[in-house]
Amino acid sequence: MILNQDQASISGQWKIAGLAASARAGVQWIARPWLVQLLLRVALAVPFLKSGLLKWQGFLMLNDTAIYLFTDEFRLHLPGGPYPFPAPALFAFLSGCGEVVLPVLLIAGIGARFAALGIVLMTLIIQLTVPDGWPVHLTWIAMALGIAAWGPGRVSLDYWLGDRYPRS
């Protein structure tokens, strides 16, 4: 069977389209939504949890370093500033609590949408404290908003408690 040039061209296009469809199906098989949502939650939780665990020396007892950082090192970079944190011991305590509780909620996937919004708020405060860290902070906010928008996924307590309404 002899194909003319137009028929050969069409045949080649179908082969390329078939390869592209196979590749897309492979990517979709690897990047399953439940896996992506689980990995987003864990990846976002880890840096906050690691930081939060360093702030404590016992149950609800901040270490001296955490209070020192908010008292003497950290500054809010606002117009006309930088300014010291108001009530540094309170900010250190709230930061330490948020950096432990919110990641645990994210990893377990319970109240995950609200925990993600808490991470967004913390990240905005961190951005005001460390303005040069915006590339990482932007990544954290994008991850957190993804969790808030599309939910924690099937591998979460929220899913088993009835939060099965992902947005599209």
N, C-alpha and C. Protein backbone atom coordinates (compact mmCIF):
# COMPACT_ATOMS: atom_id res chain seq x y z
N MET A 1 0.84 -1.18 0.00
CA MET A 1 0.00 0.00 0.00
C MET A 1 0.89 1.24 0.00
N ILE A 2 0.66 2.11 -0.91
CA ILE A 2 1.46 3.33 -1.05
C ILE A 2 0.60 4.50 -0.58
N LEU A 3 1.18 5.29 0.35
CA LEU A 3 0.48 6.46 0.87
C LEU A 3 1.01 7.70 0.17
N ASN A 4 0.09 8.58 -0.19
CA ASN A 4 0.57 9.84 -0.73
C ASN A 4 1.03 10.73 0.42
N GLN A 5 1.60 11.87 0.09
CA GLN A 5 2.19 12.74 1.11
C GLN A 5 1.16 13.23 2.12
N ASP A 6 -0.06 13.56 1.70
CA ASP A 6 -1.11 14.03 2.61
C ASP A 6 -1.53 12.93 3.57
N GLN A 7 -1.67 11.71 3.04
CA GLN A 7 -2.07 10.59 3.90
C GLN A 7 -0.98 10.28 4.92
N ALA A 8 0.26 10.35 4.53
CA ALA A 8 1.38 10.10 5.45
C ALA A 8 1.42 11.17 6.54
N SER A 9 1.17 12.40 6.14
CA SER A 9 1.15 13.50 7.11
C SER A 9 0.04 13.32 8.14
N ILE A 10 -1.14 12.94 7.69
CA ILE A 10 -2.27 12.71 8.60
C ILE A 10 -1.97 11.53 9.51
N SER A 11 -1.39 10.47 8.96
CA SER A 11 -1.03 9.30 9.76
C SER A 11 -0.03 9.69 10.86
N GLY A 12 0.95 10.52 10.51
CA GLY A 12 1.95 10.98 11.50
C GLY A 12 1.32 11.83 12.59
N GLN A 13 0.35 12.67 12.20
CA GLN A 13 -0.33 13.51 13.19
C GLN A 13 -1.12 12.65 14.17
N TRP A 14 -1.75 11.57 13.67
CA TRP A 14 -2.51 10.68 14.56
C TRP A 14 -1.57 9.98 15.53
N LYS A 15 -0.40 9.60 15.06
CA LYS A 15 0.57 8.95 15.95
C LYS A 15 1.02 9.91 17.05
N ILE A 16 1.30 11.14 16.68
CA ILE A 16 1.72 12.15 17.67
C ILE A 16 0.59 12.41 18.66
N ALA A 17 -0.64 12.52 18.16
CA ALA A 17 -1.79 12.75 19.05
C ALA A 17 -1.97 11.56 19.99
N GLY A 18 -1.76 10.36 19.48
CA GLY A 18 -1.88 9.17 20.32
C GLY A 18 -0.81 9.14 21.40
N LEU A 19 0.43 9.50 21.04
CA LEU A 19 1.51 9.56 22.02
C LEU A 19 1.24 10.62 23.08
N ALA A 20 0.73 11.77 22.66
CA ALA A 20 0.41 12.85 23.60
C ALA A 20 -0.69 12.40 24.56
N ALA A 21 -1.70 11.71 24.05
CA ALA A 21 -2.78 11.22 24.91
C ALA A 21 -2.26 10.19 25.90
N SER A 22 -1.36 9.32 25.44
CA SER A 22 -0.78 8.33 26.35
C SER A 22 0.06 9.00 27.44
N ALA A 23 0.83 10.00 27.04
CA ALA A 23 1.66 10.72 28.01
C ALA A 23 0.78 11.43 29.03
N ARG A 24 -0.28 12.08 28.56
CA ARG A 24 -1.20 12.77 29.47
C ARG A 24 -1.83 11.79 30.45
N ALA A 25 -2.24 10.62 29.95
CA ALA A 25 -2.84 9.61 30.84
C ALA A 25 -1.83 9.15 31.87
N GLY A 26 -0.56 9.03 31.49
CA GLY A 26 0.48 8.65 32.45
C GLY A 26 0.68 9.69 33.53
N VAL A 27 0.70 10.95 33.13
CA VAL A 27 0.85 12.04 34.09
C VAL A 27 -0.35 12.06 35.05
N GLN A 28 -1.54 11.90 34.51
CA GLN A 28 -2.74 11.90 35.35
C GLN A 28 -2.75 10.72 36.31
N TRP A 29 -2.19 9.58 35.90
CA TRP A 29 -2.13 8.43 36.79
C TRP A 29 -1.18 8.69 37.94
N ILE A 30 -0.06 9.37 37.65
CA ILE A 30 0.93 9.67 38.69
C ILE A 30 0.42 10.79 39.61
N ALA A 31 -0.11 11.86 39.03
CA ALA A 31 -0.52 13.05 39.79
C ALA A 31 -1.99 12.96 40.16
N ARG A 32 -2.33 11.96 40.93
CA ARG A 32 -3.72 11.79 41.36
C ARG A 32 -4.09 12.88 42.35
N PRO A 33 -5.30 13.41 42.26
CA PRO A 33 -5.67 14.52 43.14
C PRO A 33 -5.48 14.21 44.63
N TRP A 34 -5.86 13.02 45.09
CA TRP A 34 -5.73 12.71 46.51
C TRP A 34 -4.26 12.73 46.95
N LEU A 35 -3.35 12.30 46.07
CA LEU A 35 -1.94 12.29 46.39
C LEU A 35 -1.37 13.71 46.41
N VAL A 36 -1.76 14.50 45.41
CA VAL A 36 -1.31 15.89 45.34
C VAL A 36 -1.78 16.66 46.57
N GLN A 37 -3.04 16.48 46.97
CA GLN A 37 -3.57 17.19 48.13
C GLN A 37 -2.87 16.76 49.41
N LEU A 38 -2.58 15.47 49.55
CA LEU A 38 -1.85 14.99 50.73
C LEU A 38 -0.44 15.58 50.76
N LEU A 39 0.25 15.54 49.64
CA LEU A 39 1.61 16.08 49.59
C LEU A 39 1.64 17.59 49.83
N LEU A 40 0.65 18.31 49.32
CA LEU A 40 0.58 19.75 49.58
C LEU A 40 0.45 20.02 51.08
N ARG A 41 -0.43 19.25 51.74
CA ARG A 41 -0.63 19.46 53.18
C ARG A 41 0.65 19.18 53.96
N VAL A 42 1.31 18.08 53.65
CA VAL A 42 2.52 17.72 54.39
C VAL A 42 3.65 18.69 54.08
N ALA A 43 3.84 19.02 52.81
CA ALA A 43 4.92 19.94 52.42
C ALA A 43 4.74 21.31 53.05
N LEU A 44 3.52 21.77 53.17
CA LEU A 44 3.27 23.07 53.80
C LEU A 44 3.45 22.99 55.31
N ALA A 45 3.07 21.88 55.90
CA ALA A 45 3.12 21.74 57.36
C ALA A 45 4.55 21.63 57.89
N VAL A 46 5.43 20.95 57.18
CA VAL A 46 6.76 20.63 57.70
C VAL A 46 7.57 21.86 58.16
N PRO A 47 7.76 22.91 57.33
CA PRO A 47 8.59 24.02 57.81
C PRO A 47 7.98 24.74 59.02
N PHE A 48 6.68 24.83 59.07
CA PHE A 48 6.04 25.49 60.21
C PHE A 48 6.17 24.64 61.47
N LEU A 49 5.95 23.35 61.35
CA LEU A 49 6.05 22.46 62.51
C LEU A 49 7.48 22.43 63.04
N LYS A 50 8.46 22.34 62.15
CA LYS A 50 9.86 22.34 62.60
C LYS A 50 10.20 23.62 63.35
N SER A 51 9.76 24.75 62.83
CA SER A 51 10.00 26.02 63.49
C SER A 51 9.28 26.10 64.83
N GLY A 52 8.03 25.64 64.85
CA GLY A 52 7.24 25.70 66.07
C GLY A 52 7.81 24.83 67.19
N LEU A 53 8.29 23.65 66.86
CA LEU A 53 8.83 22.75 67.89
C LEU A 53 10.08 23.33 68.54
N LEU A 54 10.82 24.17 67.81
CA LEU A 54 12.02 24.79 68.37
C LEU A 54 11.70 25.88 69.39
N LYS A 55 10.47 26.35 69.44
CA LYS A 55 10.10 27.46 70.33
C LYS A 55 9.72 27.01 71.74
N TRP A 56 9.56 25.72 71.96
CA TRP A 56 9.03 25.23 73.23
C TRP A 56 10.09 24.48 74.04
N GLN A 57 9.99 24.63 75.37
CA GLN A 57 10.85 23.84 76.25
C GLN A 57 10.04 22.92 77.13
N GLY A 58 8.74 23.01 77.05
CA GLY A 58 7.83 22.15 77.78
C GLY A 58 6.41 22.51 77.38
N PHE A 59 5.44 21.84 77.99
CA PHE A 59 4.04 22.10 77.63
C PHE A 59 3.67 23.54 77.96
N LEU A 60 3.33 24.31 76.94
CA LEU A 60 2.96 25.72 77.02
C LEU A 60 4.02 26.57 77.70
N MET A 61 5.28 26.15 77.58
CA MET A 61 6.41 26.93 78.12
C MET A 61 7.36 27.27 76.98
N LEU A 62 7.33 28.53 76.57
CA LEU A 62 8.24 28.98 75.52
C LEU A 62 9.66 28.99 76.03
N ASN A 63 10.61 28.72 75.14
CA ASN A 63 12.00 28.86 75.55
C ASN A 63 12.41 30.33 75.45
N ASP A 64 13.54 30.65 76.06
CA ASP A 64 14.00 32.04 76.10
C ASP A 64 14.32 32.58 74.71
N THR A 65 14.78 31.71 73.83
CA THR A 65 15.15 32.15 72.48
C THR A 65 13.94 32.68 71.72
N ALA A 66 12.81 32.01 71.85
CA ALA A 66 11.60 32.44 71.14
C ALA A 66 11.20 33.85 71.58
N ILE A 67 11.21 34.08 72.86
CA ILE A 67 10.82 35.41 73.37
C ILE A 67 11.87 36.44 72.96
N TYR A 68 13.15 36.07 73.04
CA TYR A 68 14.23 36.97 72.65
C TYR A 68 14.06 37.42 71.19
N LEU A 69 13.75 36.47 70.30
CA LEU A 69 13.62 36.80 68.89
C LEU A 69 12.55 37.86 68.67
N PHE A 70 11.39 37.69 69.31
CA PHE A 70 10.30 38.66 69.12
C PHE A 70 10.56 39.96 69.86
N THR A 71 11.40 39.93 70.88
CA THR A 71 11.71 41.14 71.65
C THR A 71 12.81 41.96 71.00
N ASP A 72 13.91 41.28 70.61
CA ASP A 72 15.11 42.01 70.18
C ASP A 72 15.50 41.86 68.72
N GLU A 73 15.09 40.80 68.06
CA GLU A 73 15.55 40.55 66.70
C GLU A 73 14.51 40.88 65.63
N PHE A 74 13.32 40.34 65.77
CA PHE A 74 12.30 40.51 64.74
C PHE A 74 11.74 41.92 64.75
N ARG A 75 11.53 42.47 63.56
CA ARG A 75 10.94 43.79 63.39
C ARG A 75 9.88 43.71 62.31
N LEU A 76 8.86 44.53 62.46
CA LEU A 76 7.81 44.65 61.43
C LEU A 76 8.25 45.71 60.43
N HIS A 77 8.40 45.31 59.18
CA HIS A 77 8.85 46.21 58.13
C HIS A 77 7.63 46.84 57.47
N LEU A 78 7.18 47.90 58.11
CA LEU A 78 6.04 48.68 57.62
C LEU A 78 6.55 50.05 57.20
N PRO A 79 5.77 50.79 56.43
CA PRO A 79 6.21 52.14 56.04
C PRO A 79 6.61 52.96 57.26
N GLY A 80 7.78 53.60 57.17
CA GLY A 80 8.29 54.40 58.27
C GLY A 80 9.06 53.58 59.29
N GLY A 81 9.11 52.28 59.13
CA GLY A 81 9.72 51.37 60.09
C GLY A 81 11.13 50.99 59.71
N PRO A 82 11.65 49.96 60.27
CA PRO A 82 10.97 48.86 60.95
C PRO A 82 10.62 49.20 62.40
N TYR A 83 9.56 48.52 62.86
CA TYR A 83 9.04 48.72 64.21
C TYR A 83 9.16 47.42 65.01
N PRO A 84 9.35 47.55 66.33
CA PRO A 84 9.36 46.34 67.15
C PRO A 84 7.96 45.73 67.24
N PHE A 85 7.90 44.44 67.51
CA PHE A 85 6.61 43.79 67.69
C PHE A 85 5.95 44.31 68.96
N PRO A 86 4.66 44.66 68.90
CA PRO A 86 3.96 44.99 70.14
C PRO A 86 3.72 43.69 70.92
N ALA A 87 3.81 43.74 72.20
CA ALA A 87 3.60 42.56 73.06
C ALA A 87 4.38 41.35 72.53
N PRO A 88 5.72 41.43 72.54
CA PRO A 88 6.52 40.38 71.92
C PRO A 88 6.32 39.00 72.55
N ALA A 89 6.10 38.93 73.86
CA ALA A 89 5.88 37.62 74.49
C ALA A 89 4.58 37.00 73.98
N LEU A 90 3.55 37.82 73.80
CA LEU A 90 2.28 37.31 73.28
C LEU A 90 2.44 36.84 71.83
N PHE A 91 3.15 37.63 70.99
CA PHE A 91 3.38 37.21 69.61
C PHE A 91 4.21 35.93 69.55
N ALA A 92 5.20 35.80 70.42
CA ALA A 92 6.01 34.59 70.46
C ALA A 92 5.14 33.38 70.83
N PHE A 93 4.27 33.57 71.82
CA PHE A 93 3.38 32.48 72.25
C PHE A 93 2.41 32.09 71.14
N LEU A 94 1.77 33.08 70.53
CA LEU A 94 0.82 32.80 69.45
C LEU A 94 1.52 32.15 68.26
N SER A 95 2.71 32.64 67.94
CA SER A 95 3.48 32.06 66.85
C SER A 95 3.82 30.61 67.15
N GLY A 96 4.30 30.34 68.35
CA GLY A 96 4.65 28.98 68.74
C GLY A 96 3.45 28.05 68.70
N CYS A 97 2.30 28.54 69.19
CA CYS A 97 1.07 27.72 69.15
C CYS A 97 0.64 27.46 67.71
N GLY A 98 0.60 28.51 66.91
CA GLY A 98 0.17 28.37 65.52
C GLY A 98 1.09 27.47 64.71
N GLU A 99 2.39 27.57 64.98
CA GLU A 99 3.35 26.77 64.22
C GLU A 99 3.33 25.29 64.60
N VAL A 100 2.67 24.95 65.68
CA VAL A 100 2.53 23.53 66.05
C VAL A 100 1.11 23.04 65.72
N VAL A 101 0.11 23.79 66.15
CA VAL A 101 -1.28 23.33 65.99
C VAL A 101 -1.71 23.30 64.53
N LEU A 102 -1.47 24.36 63.79
CA LEU A 102 -1.93 24.41 62.39
C LEU A 102 -1.30 23.32 61.52
N PRO A 103 0.01 23.06 61.62
CA PRO A 103 0.57 21.95 60.84
C PRO A 103 0.01 20.58 61.22
N VAL A 104 -0.23 20.37 62.50
CA VAL A 104 -0.81 19.09 62.92
C VAL A 104 -2.20 18.92 62.31
N LEU A 105 -2.99 19.99 62.31
CA LEU A 105 -4.31 19.93 61.69
C LEU A 105 -4.20 19.67 60.18
N LEU A 106 -3.22 20.31 59.54
CA LEU A 106 -3.03 20.09 58.11
C LEU A 106 -2.64 18.65 57.81
N ILE A 107 -1.69 18.12 58.55
CA ILE A 107 -1.24 16.75 58.29
C ILE A 107 -2.37 15.76 58.51
N ALA A 108 -3.12 15.92 59.60
CA ALA A 108 -4.24 15.02 59.86
C ALA A 108 -5.39 15.27 58.90
N GLY A 109 -5.45 16.46 58.36
CA GLY A 109 -6.53 16.80 57.44
C GLY A 109 -7.84 17.05 58.17
N ILE A 110 -7.76 17.66 59.35
CA ILE A 110 -8.98 18.01 60.07
C ILE A 110 -9.01 19.53 60.24
N GLY A 111 -10.09 20.13 59.79
CA GLY A 111 -10.17 21.59 59.77
C GLY A 111 -9.11 22.16 58.84
N ALA A 112 -8.77 21.39 57.82
CA ALA A 112 -7.62 21.72 56.97
C ALA A 112 -7.81 23.04 56.21
N ARG A 113 -9.02 23.31 55.76
CA ARG A 113 -9.24 24.58 55.03
C ARG A 113 -8.99 25.77 55.96
N PHE A 114 -9.45 25.67 57.20
CA PHE A 114 -9.24 26.76 58.16
C PHE A 114 -7.79 26.84 58.62
N ALA A 115 -7.16 25.67 58.79
CA ALA A 115 -5.74 25.65 59.15
C ALA A 115 -4.92 26.29 58.04
N ALA A 116 -5.28 26.02 56.79
CA ALA A 116 -4.56 26.62 55.67
C ALA A 116 -4.71 28.14 55.68
N LEU A 117 -5.88 28.64 56.00
CA LEU A 117 -6.05 30.10 56.09
C LEU A 117 -5.25 30.68 57.25
N GLY A 118 -5.14 29.92 58.34
CA GLY A 118 -4.28 30.35 59.45
C GLY A 118 -2.83 30.45 59.02
N ILE A 119 -2.40 29.50 58.20
CA ILE A 119 -1.03 29.54 57.66
C ILE A 119 -0.84 30.76 56.76
N VAL A 120 -1.87 31.11 55.98
CA VAL A 120 -1.79 32.32 55.15
C VAL A 120 -1.58 33.55 56.04
N LEU A 121 -2.35 33.67 57.11
CA LEU A 121 -2.20 34.81 58.02
C LEU A 121 -0.81 34.83 58.64
N MET A 122 -0.34 33.69 59.11
CA MET A 122 1.01 33.64 59.68
C MET A 122 2.06 34.03 58.64
N THR A 123 1.89 33.56 57.43
CA THR A 123 2.86 33.86 56.37
C THR A 123 2.88 35.36 56.05
N LEU A 124 1.72 35.99 56.10
CA LEU A 124 1.69 37.44 55.86
C LEU A 124 2.45 38.18 56.95
N ILE A 125 2.33 37.75 58.18
CA ILE A 125 3.08 38.37 59.28
C ILE A 125 4.57 38.08 59.11
N ILE A 126 4.91 36.85 58.72
CA ILE A 126 6.32 36.51 58.47
C ILE A 126 6.86 37.39 57.35
N GLN A 127 6.06 37.64 56.33
CA GLN A 127 6.50 38.49 55.21
C GLN A 127 6.81 39.90 55.69
N LEU A 128 6.01 40.40 56.62
CA LEU A 128 6.28 41.73 57.17
C LEU A 128 7.55 41.74 58.01
N THR A 129 7.92 40.58 58.54
CA THR A 129 9.11 40.47 59.39
C THR A 129 10.36 40.20 58.54
N VAL A 130 10.22 39.38 57.51
CA VAL A 130 11.35 39.01 56.64
C VAL A 130 10.95 39.32 55.19
N PRO A 131 11.00 40.59 54.80
CA PRO A 131 10.50 40.97 53.48
C PRO A 131 11.26 40.34 52.32
N ASP A 132 12.52 40.00 52.49
CA ASP A 132 13.29 39.40 51.40
C ASP A 132 12.92 37.94 51.17
N GLY A 133 12.11 37.35 52.03
CA GLY A 133 11.73 35.95 51.88
C GLY A 133 10.52 35.73 51.01
N TRP A 134 10.13 36.75 50.24
CA TRP A 134 8.87 36.66 49.48
C TRP A 134 8.78 35.48 48.53
N PRO A 135 9.87 34.99 47.91
CA PRO A 135 9.66 33.83 47.01
C PRO A 135 9.14 32.59 47.76
N VAL A 136 9.69 32.33 48.93
CA VAL A 136 9.22 31.19 49.73
C VAL A 136 7.84 31.48 50.29
N HIS A 137 7.63 32.69 50.77
CA HIS A 137 6.33 33.06 51.35
C HIS A 137 5.22 32.97 50.30
N LEU A 138 5.51 33.40 49.09
CA LEU A 138 4.53 33.30 48.01
C LEU A 138 4.17 31.83 47.73
N THR A 139 5.17 30.97 47.78
CA THR A 139 4.93 29.53 47.59
C THR A 139 4.04 28.99 48.69
N TRP A 140 4.33 29.35 49.94
CA TRP A 140 3.50 28.89 51.07
C TRP A 140 2.06 29.36 50.92
N ILE A 141 1.88 30.62 50.54
CA ILE A 141 0.52 31.15 50.39
C ILE A 141 -0.21 30.43 49.25
N ALA A 142 0.47 30.19 48.15
CA ALA A 142 -0.17 29.48 47.03
C ALA A 142 -0.59 28.08 47.45
N MET A 143 0.28 27.38 48.18
CA MET A 143 -0.05 26.03 48.65
C MET A 143 -1.24 26.07 49.60
N ALA A 144 -1.22 27.01 50.54
CA ALA A 144 -2.29 27.12 51.53
C ALA A 144 -3.62 27.46 50.86
N LEU A 145 -3.59 28.37 49.90
CA LEU A 145 -4.84 28.73 49.21
C LEU A 145 -5.35 27.57 48.37
N GLY A 146 -4.44 26.77 47.82
CA GLY A 146 -4.86 25.56 47.10
C GLY A 146 -5.60 24.59 48.01
N ILE A 147 -5.09 24.41 49.22
CA ILE A 147 -5.75 23.54 50.20
C ILE A 147 -7.09 24.13 50.60
N ALA A 148 -7.11 25.44 50.85
CA ALA A 148 -8.37 26.08 51.24
C ALA A 148 -9.41 25.99 50.12
N ALA A 149 -8.97 26.12 48.89
CA ALA A 149 -9.90 26.12 47.76
C ALA A 149 -10.40 24.72 47.42
N TRP A 150 -9.50 23.75 47.33
CA TRP A 150 -9.88 22.42 46.84
C TRP A 150 -9.99 21.37 47.93
N GLY A 151 -9.74 21.76 49.17
CA GLY A 151 -9.91 20.84 50.29
C GLY A 151 -8.71 19.94 50.50
N PRO A 152 -8.76 19.16 51.57
CA PRO A 152 -7.62 18.34 51.95
C PRO A 152 -7.52 17.02 51.18
N GLY A 153 -8.55 16.63 50.47
CA GLY A 153 -8.50 15.40 49.69
C GLY A 153 -9.04 14.19 50.44
N ARG A 154 -9.01 13.05 49.75
CA ARG A 154 -9.59 11.82 50.29
C ARG A 154 -8.83 11.25 51.47
N VAL A 155 -7.54 11.52 51.54
CA VAL A 155 -6.74 10.99 52.64
C VAL A 155 -6.70 12.05 53.75
N SER A 156 -7.84 12.26 54.38
CA SER A 156 -7.94 13.26 55.45
C SER A 156 -9.13 12.93 56.34
N LEU A 157 -9.05 13.41 57.56
CA LEU A 157 -10.19 13.24 58.47
C LEU A 157 -11.38 14.07 58.00
N ASP A 158 -11.11 15.24 57.44
CA ASP A 158 -12.20 16.08 56.93
C ASP A 158 -13.04 15.31 55.91
N TYR A 159 -12.38 14.58 55.02
CA TYR A 159 -13.10 13.83 53.99
C TYR A 159 -14.03 12.81 54.65
N TRP A 160 -13.52 12.10 55.63
CA TRP A 160 -14.34 11.06 56.29
C TRP A 160 -15.42 11.66 57.16
N LEU A 161 -15.26 12.94 57.53
CA LEU A 161 -16.29 13.63 58.33
C LEU A 161 -17.29 14.36 57.43
N GLY A 162 -17.10 14.30 56.11
CA GLY A 162 -18.11 14.86 55.22
C GLY A 162 -17.68 16.00 54.33
N ASP A 163 -16.43 16.52 54.45
CA ASP A 163 -15.99 17.60 53.56
C ASP A 163 -15.56 16.99 52.24
N ARG A 164 -16.55 16.77 51.36
CA ARG A 164 -16.27 16.12 50.08
C ARG A 164 -16.66 17.02 48.92
N TYR A 165 -16.53 18.30 49.11
CA TYR A 165 -16.97 19.25 48.10
C TYR A 165 -15.81 20.04 47.55
N PRO A 166 -14.99 19.42 46.68
CA PRO A 166 -13.92 20.21 46.08
C PRO A 166 -14.51 21.23 45.13
N ARG A 167 -13.83 22.36 45.02
CA ARG A 167 -14.26 23.39 44.08
C ARG A 167 -13.57 23.15 42.75
N SER A 168 -14.21 23.60 41.70
CA SER A 168 -13.56 23.45 40.39
C SER A 168 -13.31 24.81 39.78
